[in-house]
Amino acid sequence: MSYPKQVYVGDDGEINADFRPATTPPNVGTAGGDAIHYLATTTTTHGEFGLYRVEMRPHAGGPRTHFHKTISESFFILNGTVRLFDGAQWTDARQGDFLHVPQGGLHAFRNDSDSPADMLLLFTPGAPREEYFEKLSQLADATDEERAEFLVKHDSYFVEQP
């Protein structure tokens, strides 16, 4: 394995870092409830990855079993307990636990606990997940055709729960 193709071609480096203070409000939802923080979007990483912090209230639930054809998804638990499904079994993941799901891998997550939980979601390569997060709640009023089109557009293929 080798390093990827060179992207930066300058000789002196440049000032281009993007700092996001912890006090920045969530991009979707409300702090202390269900919320998503856009830490690094596919736009800011030039398509390399997307990194999001997810805050889940107690008993928040989560998406049912699904897979992605073009992106991998990784989970890192910051605090609380998140139930992670790796395609074969559910595990109560706690602070410091990590799960990587390659493209095509069945997975799901939810917060079944009596306490809030926080986790990082990493998508690689980067994909425009922001629209997915922002419009997901509007699917309740969508037709079956609109819902199916939205999910395919966002590389989300749901299956029956094992």
Protein backbone atom coordinates (compact mmCIF):
# COMPACT_ATOMS: atom_id res chain seq x y z
CA MET A 1 0.00 0.00 0.00
CA SER A 2 1.27 3.46 -0.81
CA TYR A 3 0.34 7.02 -0.04
CA PRO A 4 -2.45 8.56 -2.13
CA LYS A 5 -1.81 10.89 -5.05
CA GLN A 6 -0.33 14.25 -4.02
CA VAL A 7 -3.03 16.91 -3.68
CA TYR A 8 -1.08 19.93 -2.46
CA VAL A 9 1.65 20.98 -4.89
CA GLY A 10 3.05 24.07 -3.12
CA ASP A 11 6.41 24.26 -1.35
CA ASP A 12 5.59 26.44 1.67
CA GLY A 13 2.31 25.13 3.07
CA GLU A 14 -0.68 27.37 3.65
CA ILE A 15 -3.05 28.45 6.37
CA ASN A 16 -6.24 26.55 5.65
CA ALA A 17 -7.28 24.69 8.82
CA ASP A 18 -10.91 24.80 9.97
CA PHE A 19 -11.46 25.04 13.75
CA ARG A 20 -14.91 24.32 15.18
CA PRO A 21 -15.35 25.21 18.87
CA ALA A 22 -17.20 22.72 21.08
CA THR A 23 -19.72 25.49 21.84
CA THR A 24 -20.93 25.58 18.22
CA PRO A 25 -24.64 24.73 18.19
CA PRO A 26 -25.79 21.61 16.31
CA ASN A 27 -26.56 21.90 12.61
CA VAL A 28 -29.68 19.72 12.91
CA GLY A 29 -31.80 19.29 16.03
CA THR A 30 -31.26 20.82 19.44
CA ALA A 31 -28.47 20.44 21.99
CA GLY A 32 -29.48 18.04 24.75
CA GLY A 33 -31.93 16.23 22.45
CA ASP A 34 -31.37 14.47 19.17
CA ALA A 35 -28.82 16.57 17.30
CA ILE A 36 -26.19 16.32 14.59
CA HIS A 37 -23.04 18.44 14.43
CA TYR A 38 -21.31 18.77 11.05
CA LEU A 39 -17.66 18.49 12.08
CA ALA A 40 -16.19 17.91 8.61
CA THR A 41 -18.41 17.70 5.55
CA THR A 42 -17.57 16.28 2.16
CA THR A 43 -17.36 19.91 0.97
CA THR A 44 -14.76 20.91 3.57
CA THR A 45 -12.74 17.70 3.04
CA HIS A 46 -12.98 17.83 -0.77
CA GLY A 47 -14.78 14.49 -0.82
CA GLU A 48 -12.29 12.60 1.35
CA PHE A 49 -14.66 11.94 4.27
CA GLY A 50 -17.58 13.25 6.30
CA LEU A 51 -17.41 13.38 10.11
CA TYR A 52 -20.47 14.05 12.26
CA ARG A 53 -21.18 14.10 15.99
CA VAL A 54 -24.56 12.60 16.86
CA GLU A 55 -26.29 13.39 20.16
CA MET A 56 -29.04 10.97 21.09
CA ARG A 57 -31.59 11.49 23.85
CA PRO A 58 -32.56 8.52 26.05
CA HIS A 59 -34.62 5.94 24.13
CA ALA A 60 -33.99 7.85 20.88
CA GLY A 61 -34.24 4.83 18.64
CA GLY A 62 -32.34 4.97 15.37
CA PRO A 63 -32.39 3.72 11.79
CA ARG A 64 -33.36 0.13 11.10
CA THR A 65 -30.98 -2.29 9.37
CA HIS A 66 -29.54 -0.89 6.16
CA PHE A 67 -26.42 -0.78 3.99
CA HIS A 68 -24.62 1.63 1.67
CA LYS A 69 -23.24 0.74 -1.77
CA THR A 70 -20.76 3.62 -2.16
CA ILE A 71 -19.70 4.65 1.35
CA SER A 72 -18.37 2.98 4.45
CA GLU A 73 -19.65 4.07 7.86
CA SER A 74 -17.77 4.02 11.15
CA PHE A 75 -19.04 4.61 14.68
CA PHE A 76 -17.02 5.81 17.68
CA ILE A 77 -18.86 6.10 20.99
CA LEU A 78 -17.99 9.27 22.93
CA ASN A 79 -20.26 8.67 25.93
CA GLY A 80 -23.34 6.76 26.95
CA THR A 81 -24.44 3.44 25.48
CA VAL A 82 -25.39 2.99 21.84
CA ARG A 83 -26.69 -0.34 20.55
CA LEU A 84 -24.80 -1.16 17.36
CA PHE A 85 -25.81 -3.86 14.90
CA ASP A 86 -22.92 -5.29 12.85
CA GLY A 87 -25.11 -7.37 10.53
CA ALA A 88 -24.95 -10.44 12.78
CA GLN A 89 -25.59 -9.23 16.34
CA TRP A 90 -26.48 -6.25 18.49
CA THR A 91 -23.83 -4.97 20.92
CA ASP A 92 -24.12 -2.39 23.68
CA ALA A 93 -21.24 -0.11 22.70
CA ARG A 94 -19.82 2.26 25.30
CA GLN A 95 -17.30 5.07 25.49
CA GLY A 96 -14.26 4.27 23.36
CA ASP A 97 -15.91 1.43 21.39
CA PHE A 98 -15.56 1.54 17.61
CA LEU A 99 -17.33 -0.19 14.71
CA HIS A 100 -16.32 0.05 11.03
CA VAL A 101 -18.83 -1.07 8.39
CA PRO A 102 -17.46 -1.39 4.81
CA GLN A 103 -19.62 -0.75 1.76
CA GLY A 104 -22.42 -3.33 1.58
CA GLY A 105 -22.24 -4.14 5.29
CA LEU A 106 -25.54 -4.45 7.12
CA HIS A 107 -25.76 -2.20 10.17
CA ALA A 108 -28.06 -0.19 12.43
CA PHE A 109 -27.85 1.79 15.65
CA ARG A 110 -30.11 3.11 18.37
CA ASN A 111 -30.12 4.40 21.92
CA ASP A 112 -32.27 2.08 24.03
CA SER A 113 -30.78 3.28 27.31
CA ASP A 114 -32.22 5.58 29.98
CA SER A 115 -29.36 8.05 29.40
CA PRO A 116 -28.26 10.27 26.53
CA ALA A 117 -25.43 9.11 24.26
CA ASP A 118 -22.95 10.80 21.91
CA MET A 119 -21.04 9.25 19.02
CA LEU A 120 -19.00 10.15 15.99
CA LEU A 121 -20.09 8.96 12.53
CA LEU A 122 -17.44 8.80 9.82
CA PHE A 123 -18.39 8.29 6.16
CA THR A 124 -15.70 7.51 3.58
CA PRO A 125 -15.34 8.61 0.95
CA GLY A 126 -17.21 11.81 1.67
CA ALA A 127 -20.83 11.99 0.60
CA PRO A 128 -23.32 14.85 0.94
CA ARG A 129 -24.99 13.44 4.05
CA GLU A 130 -26.12 16.88 5.24
CA GLU A 131 -29.15 16.87 2.95
CA TYR A 132 -30.01 13.38 4.20
CA PHE A 133 -29.87 14.51 7.84
CA GLU A 134 -31.81 17.72 7.15
CA LYS A 135 -34.64 16.19 5.09
CA LEU A 136 -35.05 12.78 6.73
CA SER A 137 -37.79 14.03 9.05
CA GLN A 138 -39.83 15.19 6.02
CA LEU A 139 -40.18 11.61 4.74
CA ALA A 140 -43.21 11.05 6.96
CA ASP A 141 -45.29 13.05 4.47
CA ALA A 142 -43.61 11.61 1.34
CA THR A 143 -45.17 9.13 -1.04
CA ASP A 144 -43.62 5.66 -1.29
CA GLU A 145 -42.05 6.70 -4.61
CA GLU A 146 -40.61 9.93 -3.15
CA ARG A 147 -39.24 8.04 -0.14
CA ALA A 148 -37.61 5.38 -2.34
CA GLU A 149 -36.06 8.05 -4.59
CA PHE A 150 -34.70 9.95 -1.58
CA LEU A 151 -33.12 6.83 -0.07
CA VAL A 152 -31.48 5.73 -3.34
CA LYS A 153 -30.17 9.29 -3.87
CA HIS A 154 -28.56 9.06 -0.43
CA ASP A 155 -27.16 5.54 -0.83
CA SER A 156 -29.37 4.06 1.92
CA TYR A 157 -30.85 0.62 1.33
CA PHE A 158 -33.05 -0.68 4.13
CA VAL A 159 -33.73 -4.37 4.71
CA GLU A 160 -35.97 -6.37 7.02
CA GLN A 161 -34.58 -6.52 10.55
CA PRO A 162 -33.05 -9.92 11.33
